[in-house]
Structures are given as C-alpha cells and as structure tokens.
Amino acid sequence: MHGFLHGQKLDMWGFVGVGFIISGVAVLNLLSKASVH
C-alpha cells in the first residue's frame, strides 16, 4: 500500500511538472505573438 501511495505522489508531481511546462510554452507563445504585433 505504501508503494501505491508513493507512486500516486510521484504521478501528482509529474502532472504538476507537465502543467508548468505547458504554461511556460503558452506564455512564451503569447509573448512572441505580442512582440510580433
């Protein structure tokens, strides 16, 4: 059970990391579009 909970915790942080990456890419895209205009 402990291993299962530990795996879930890692998955949560994995989703958080992916979310940060997607947010960063979205922000960079918005900034690049804004600079073009």
N, C-alpha and C. Protein backbone atom coordinates (compact mmCIF):
# COMPACT_ATOMS: atom_id res chain seq x y z
N MET A 1 0.84 -1.20 0.00
CA MET A 1 0.00 0.00 0.00
C MET A 1 0.87 1.25 0.00
N HIS A 2 1.98 1.18 0.76
CA HIS A 2 2.88 2.34 0.83
C HIS A 2 3.44 2.65 -0.56
N GLY A 3 3.81 1.59 -1.29
CA GLY A 3 4.36 1.79 -2.64
C GLY A 3 3.32 2.43 -3.54
N PHE A 4 2.07 2.01 -3.39
CA PHE A 4 0.99 2.56 -4.24
C PHE A 4 0.83 4.06 -3.95
N LEU A 5 0.82 4.42 -2.66
CA LEU A 5 0.66 5.83 -2.30
C LEU A 5 1.85 6.63 -2.81
N HIS A 6 3.05 6.06 -2.69
CA HIS A 6 4.26 6.75 -3.17
C HIS A 6 4.16 6.97 -4.67
N GLY A 7 3.66 5.97 -5.39
CA GLY A 7 3.51 6.09 -6.85
C GLY A 7 2.52 7.20 -7.19
N GLN A 8 1.44 7.27 -6.44
CA GLN A 8 0.43 8.30 -6.68
C GLN A 8 1.05 9.69 -6.45
N LYS A 9 1.87 9.81 -5.42
CA LYS A 9 2.51 11.09 -5.11
C LYS A 9 3.40 11.51 -6.27
N LEU A 10 4.17 10.56 -6.81
CA LEU A 10 5.05 10.86 -7.94
C LEU A 10 4.22 11.28 -9.16
N ASP A 11 3.09 10.60 -9.38
CA ASP A 11 2.23 10.94 -10.52
C ASP A 11 1.72 12.37 -10.37
N MET A 12 1.34 12.74 -9.14
CA MET A 12 0.84 14.09 -8.89
C MET A 12 1.90 15.11 -9.27
N TRP A 13 3.14 14.90 -8.79
CA TRP A 13 4.21 15.84 -9.11
C TRP A 13 4.51 15.83 -10.60
N GLY A 14 4.31 14.68 -11.24
CA GLY A 14 4.53 14.58 -12.69
C GLY A 14 3.53 15.47 -13.41
N PHE A 15 2.27 15.41 -12.98
CA PHE A 15 1.24 16.25 -13.60
C PHE A 15 1.55 17.73 -13.36
N VAL A 16 2.02 18.04 -12.15
CA VAL A 16 2.36 19.43 -11.82
C VAL A 16 3.47 19.91 -12.74
N GLY A 17 4.48 19.07 -12.94
CA GLY A 17 5.60 19.43 -13.81
C GLY A 17 5.14 19.66 -15.24
N VAL A 18 4.29 18.76 -15.73
CA VAL A 18 3.78 18.90 -17.10
C VAL A 18 2.96 20.19 -17.21
N GLY A 19 2.18 20.49 -16.17
CA GLY A 19 1.37 21.71 -16.18
C GLY A 19 2.25 22.94 -16.27
N PHE A 20 3.35 22.95 -15.50
CA PHE A 20 4.27 24.09 -15.55
C PHE A 20 4.89 24.24 -16.93
N ILE A 21 5.26 23.11 -17.54
CA ILE A 21 5.87 23.15 -18.87
C ILE A 21 4.88 23.70 -19.89
N ILE A 22 3.64 23.21 -19.86
CA ILE A 22 2.62 23.68 -20.80
C ILE A 22 2.36 25.17 -20.58
N SER A 23 2.29 25.59 -19.31
CA SER A 23 2.06 27.01 -19.00
C SER A 23 3.20 27.85 -19.55
N GLY A 24 4.43 27.39 -19.37
CA GLY A 24 5.60 28.13 -19.86
C GLY A 24 5.57 28.27 -21.37
N VAL A 25 5.24 27.19 -22.06
CA VAL A 25 5.17 27.23 -23.53
C VAL A 25 4.07 28.19 -23.98
N ALA A 26 2.92 28.14 -23.31
CA ALA A 26 1.80 29.02 -23.66
C ALA A 26 2.20 30.48 -23.46
N VAL A 27 2.86 30.79 -22.34
CA VAL A 27 3.29 32.16 -22.05
C VAL A 27 4.29 32.63 -23.11
N LEU A 28 5.25 31.77 -23.45
CA LEU A 28 6.25 32.14 -24.46
C LEU A 28 5.58 32.41 -25.80
N ASN A 29 4.59 31.59 -26.15
CA ASN A 29 3.87 31.79 -27.42
C ASN A 29 3.13 33.12 -27.40
N LEU A 30 2.47 33.43 -26.28
CA LEU A 30 1.73 34.70 -26.17
C LEU A 30 2.70 35.88 -26.26
N LEU A 31 3.85 35.78 -25.59
CA LEU A 31 4.82 36.87 -25.61
C LEU A 31 5.39 37.05 -27.02
N SER A 32 5.67 35.95 -27.70
CA SER A 32 6.23 36.04 -29.05
C SER A 32 5.20 36.67 -30.00
N LYS A 33 3.93 36.32 -29.85
CA LYS A 33 2.88 36.90 -30.69
C LYS A 33 2.74 38.38 -30.39
N ALA A 34 2.82 38.74 -29.09
CA ALA A 34 2.68 40.14 -28.69
C ALA A 34 3.85 40.95 -29.24
N SER A 35 5.06 40.39 -29.21
CA SER A 35 6.24 41.12 -29.69
C SER A 35 6.16 41.30 -31.21
N VAL A 36 5.57 40.32 -31.91
CA VAL A 36 5.43 40.42 -33.37
C VAL A 36 4.49 41.57 -33.71
N HIS A 37 3.40 41.68 -32.95
CA HIS A 37 2.45 42.77 -33.18
C HIS A 37 3.04 44.04 -32.59
